[in-house]
């Protein structure tokens, strides 16, 4: 499961104009609440962590409402969105070497994941 999404802007923004209520996340199970937003340390106001519980495999879309402003006071006038997918399935073990029951001493084991 993923516990956060990082939103990065092309210029520094005034973090006081970015609120969790402005972030909408939808996923395979429906709406996902943005719990909080915090600036990423050292990003100079360009990147913010959006805390949200993203647990299910599938497609997600984050939509940011208009109103976020840069330090010059220029506010976004349109919504912006981005989409991504999460594959929460554990890895499978389709093959292994040496084969089970090969006997003898084994110096290494190689697993191949798909």
C-alpha atoms as a PDB file:
ATOM      1  CA  UNK A   1       0.000   0.000   0.000  1.00  0.00           C
ATOM      2  CA  UNK A   2       0.990   3.544  -0.693  1.00  0.00           C
ATOM      3  CA  UNK A   3       0.623   6.145   2.068  1.00  0.00           C
ATOM      4  CA  UNK A   4       1.341   9.311   0.147  1.00  0.00           C
ATOM      5  CA  UNK A   5       1.539  10.960  -3.244  1.00  0.00           C
ATOM      6  CA  UNK A   6       4.023  13.728  -4.019  1.00  0.00           C
ATOM      7  CA  UNK A   7       2.690  16.637  -6.087  1.00  0.00           C
ATOM      8  CA  UNK A   8       5.391  18.710  -7.800  1.00  0.00           C
ATOM      9  CA  UNK A   9       4.820  22.128  -9.366  1.00  0.00           C
ATOM     10  CA  UNK A  10       6.911  23.805 -12.072  1.00  0.00           C
ATOM     11  CA  UNK A  11       7.585  26.769  -9.737  1.00  0.00           C
ATOM     12  CA  UNK A  12       7.455  27.394  -5.993  1.00  0.00           C
ATOM     13  CA  UNK A  13       3.923  27.829  -4.648  1.00  0.00           C
ATOM     14  CA  UNK A  14       2.574  29.506  -1.551  1.00  0.00           C
ATOM     15  CA  UNK A  15       1.839  26.485   0.623  1.00  0.00           C
ATOM     16  CA  UNK A  16      -0.892  28.379   2.481  1.00  0.00           C
ATOM     17  CA  UNK A  17      -2.961  28.322  -0.742  1.00  0.00           C
ATOM     18  CA  UNK A  18      -2.789  24.517  -0.976  1.00  0.00           C
ATOM     19  CA  UNK A  19      -5.247  22.672   1.283  1.00  0.00           C
ATOM     20  CA  UNK A  20      -6.274  19.017   1.540  1.00  0.00           C
ATOM     21  CA  UNK A  21      -9.826  20.026   0.574  1.00  0.00           C
ATOM     22  CA  UNK A  22      -8.458  21.094  -2.842  1.00  0.00           C
ATOM     23  CA  UNK A  23      -7.146  17.592  -3.617  1.00  0.00           C
ATOM     24  CA  UNK A  24      -9.445  14.904  -4.962  1.00  0.00           C
ATOM     25  CA  UNK A  25      -8.216  11.347  -5.401  1.00  0.00           C
ATOM     26  CA  UNK A  26     -10.274   8.634  -7.031  1.00  0.00           C
ATOM     27  CA  UNK A  27      -9.297   4.991  -7.243  1.00  0.00           C
ATOM     28  CA  UNK A  28     -10.705   1.553  -7.988  1.00  0.00           C
ATOM     29  CA  UNK A  29     -12.769   1.602  -4.769  1.00  0.00           C
ATOM     30  CA  UNK A  30     -14.010   5.200  -5.259  1.00  0.00           C
ATOM     31  CA  UNK A  31     -12.959   8.430  -3.585  1.00  0.00           C
ATOM     32  CA  UNK A  32      -9.877   8.468  -1.336  1.00  0.00           C
ATOM     33  CA  UNK A  33      -9.582  11.267   1.225  1.00  0.00           C
ATOM     34  CA  UNK A  34      -6.443  13.398   1.299  1.00  0.00           C
ATOM     35  CA  UNK A  35      -5.638  13.395   5.014  1.00  0.00           C
ATOM     36  CA  UNK A  36      -3.019  16.149   5.010  1.00  0.00           C
ATOM     37  CA  UNK A  37      -0.566  18.090   2.871  1.00  0.00           C
ATOM     38  CA  UNK A  38       3.007  18.981   3.843  1.00  0.00           C
ATOM     39  CA  UNK A  39       5.848  20.576   1.910  1.00  0.00           C
ATOM     40  CA  UNK A  40       8.693  18.230   1.020  1.00  0.00           C
ATOM     41  CA  UNK A  41      11.770  19.441   2.911  1.00  0.00           C
ATOM     42  CA  UNK A  42      14.353  20.994   0.639  1.00  0.00           C
ATOM     43  CA  UNK A  43      11.979  21.343  -2.344  1.00  0.00           C
ATOM     44  CA  UNK A  44      11.807  25.123  -2.156  1.00  0.00           C
ATOM     45  CA  UNK A  45       8.016  25.074  -2.194  1.00  0.00           C
ATOM     46  CA  UNK A  46       7.816  23.004  -5.380  1.00  0.00           C
ATOM     47  CA  UNK A  47       6.838  19.590  -3.949  1.00  0.00           C
ATOM     48  CA  UNK A  48       4.183  18.625  -1.406  1.00  0.00           C
ATOM     49  CA  UNK A  49       3.307  15.256   0.177  1.00  0.00           C
ATOM     50  CA  UNK A  50      -0.381  14.393   0.099  1.00  0.00           C
ATOM     51  CA  UNK A  51      -1.115  11.758   2.755  1.00  0.00           C
ATOM     52  CA  UNK A  52      -3.736   9.287   1.547  1.00  0.00           C
ATOM     53  CA  UNK A  53      -4.361   5.587   1.986  1.00  0.00           C
ATOM     54  CA  UNK A  54      -4.016   3.968  -1.444  1.00  0.00           C
ATOM     55  CA  UNK A  55      -4.337   0.243  -0.889  1.00  0.00           C
ATOM     56  CA  UNK A  56      -6.099  -1.372  -3.843  1.00  0.00           C
ATOM     57  CA  UNK A  57      -4.539  -2.330  -7.151  1.00  0.00           C
ATOM     58  CA  UNK A  58      -5.800  -0.297 -10.081  1.00  0.00           C
ATOM     59  CA  UNK A  59      -5.938   3.144 -11.657  1.00  0.00           C
ATOM     60  CA  UNK A  60      -5.909   6.342  -9.590  1.00  0.00           C
ATOM     61  CA  UNK A  61      -6.465   9.982 -10.547  1.00  0.00           C
ATOM     62  CA  UNK A  62      -5.500  13.008  -8.481  1.00  0.00           C
ATOM     63  CA  UNK A  63      -7.309  16.259  -9.284  1.00  0.00           C
ATOM     64  CA  UNK A  64      -6.133  19.575  -7.889  1.00  0.00           C
ATOM     65  CA  UNK A  65      -8.775  22.312  -7.725  1.00  0.00           C
ATOM     66  CA  UNK A  66      -8.022  25.842  -8.979  1.00  0.00           C
ATOM     67  CA  UNK A  67      -6.711  28.404  -6.513  1.00  0.00           C
ATOM     68  CA  UNK A  68      -3.168  27.291  -5.715  1.00  0.00           C
ATOM     69  CA  UNK A  69      -0.963  30.365  -6.090  1.00  0.00           C
ATOM     70  CA  UNK A  70       2.729  30.970  -6.611  1.00  0.00           C
ATOM     71  CA  UNK A  71       4.660  33.433  -4.436  1.00  0.00           C
ATOM     72  CA  UNK A  72       3.795  36.263  -6.846  1.00  0.00           C
ATOM     73  CA  UNK A  73       0.087  35.688  -6.193  1.00  0.00           C
ATOM     74  CA  UNK A  74      -0.672  34.105  -9.580  1.00  0.00           C
ATOM     75  CA  UNK A  75      -3.413  31.563  -8.858  1.00  0.00           C
ATOM     76  CA  UNK A  76      -4.246  28.567 -11.030  1.00  0.00           C
ATOM     77  CA  UNK A  77      -7.569  29.206 -12.772  1.00  0.00           C
ATOM     78  CA  UNK A  78      -8.252  25.633 -13.905  1.00  0.00           C
ATOM     79  CA  UNK A  79      -8.123  22.216 -12.299  1.00  0.00           C
ATOM     80  CA  UNK A  80      -5.143  19.961 -13.027  1.00  0.00           C
ATOM     81  CA  UNK A  81      -5.024  16.184 -12.852  1.00  0.00           C
ATOM     82  CA  UNK A  82      -2.622  13.273 -13.080  1.00  0.00           C
ATOM     83  CA  UNK A  83      -3.216   9.521 -13.258  1.00  0.00           C
ATOM     84  CA  UNK A  84      -1.192   6.447 -12.311  1.00  0.00           C
ATOM     85  CA  UNK A  85      -1.672   2.762 -11.527  1.00  0.00           C
ATOM     86  CA  UNK A  86      -0.749   0.647  -8.530  1.00  0.00           C
ATOM     87  CA  UNK A  87      -0.068  -3.075  -8.677  1.00  0.00           C
ATOM     88  CA  UNK A  88      -0.395  -4.263  -5.071  1.00  0.00           C
ATOM     89  CA  UNK A  89      -0.105  -7.959  -5.905  1.00  0.00           C
ATOM     90  CA  UNK A  90       2.799  -9.719  -4.214  1.00  0.00           C
ATOM     91  CA  UNK A  91       5.485 -11.124  -6.510  1.00  0.00           C
ATOM     92  CA  UNK A  92       5.047 -14.659  -7.728  1.00  0.00           C
ATOM     93  CA  UNK A  93       7.764 -17.301  -7.956  1.00  0.00           C
ATOM     94  CA  UNK A  94       7.424 -18.791 -11.417  1.00  0.00           C
ATOM     95  CA  UNK A  95      10.833 -20.479 -11.422  1.00  0.00           C
ATOM     96  CA  UNK A  96      13.675 -21.309  -9.094  1.00  0.00           C
ATOM     97  CA  UNK A  97      17.075 -22.869  -9.497  1.00  0.00           C
ATOM     98  CA  UNK A  98      18.221 -25.368  -8.394  1.00  0.00           C
ATOM     99  CA  UNK A  99      15.041 -27.413  -8.687  1.00  0.00           C
ATOM    100  CA  UNK A 100      13.407 -28.732  -5.526  1.00  0.00           C
ATOM    101  CA  UNK A 101      14.844 -32.071  -4.432  1.00  0.00           C
ATOM    102  CA  UNK A 102      18.074 -31.610  -6.406  1.00  0.00           C
ATOM    103  CA  UNK A 103      20.035 -32.717  -3.350  1.00  0.00           C
ATOM    104  CA  UNK A 104      23.633 -31.959  -2.520  1.00  0.00           C
ATOM    105  CA  UNK A 105      25.095 -28.692  -1.328  1.00  0.00           C
ATOM    106  CA  UNK A 106      23.715 -25.417  -2.741  1.00  0.00           C
ATOM    107  CA  UNK A 107      26.026 -22.404  -3.032  1.00  0.00           C
ATOM    108  CA  UNK A 108      23.322 -20.002  -4.242  1.00  0.00           C
ATOM    109  CA  UNK A 109      19.647 -19.837  -5.085  1.00  0.00           C
ATOM    110  CA  UNK A 110      18.235 -17.816  -7.990  1.00  0.00           C
ATOM    111  CA  UNK A 111      14.581 -16.724  -8.021  1.00  0.00           C
ATOM    112  CA  UNK A 112      13.053 -15.191 -11.129  1.00  0.00           C
ATOM    113  CA  UNK A 113      10.023 -12.923 -10.669  1.00  0.00           C
ATOM    114  CA  UNK A 114       7.662 -11.952 -13.438  1.00  0.00           C
END
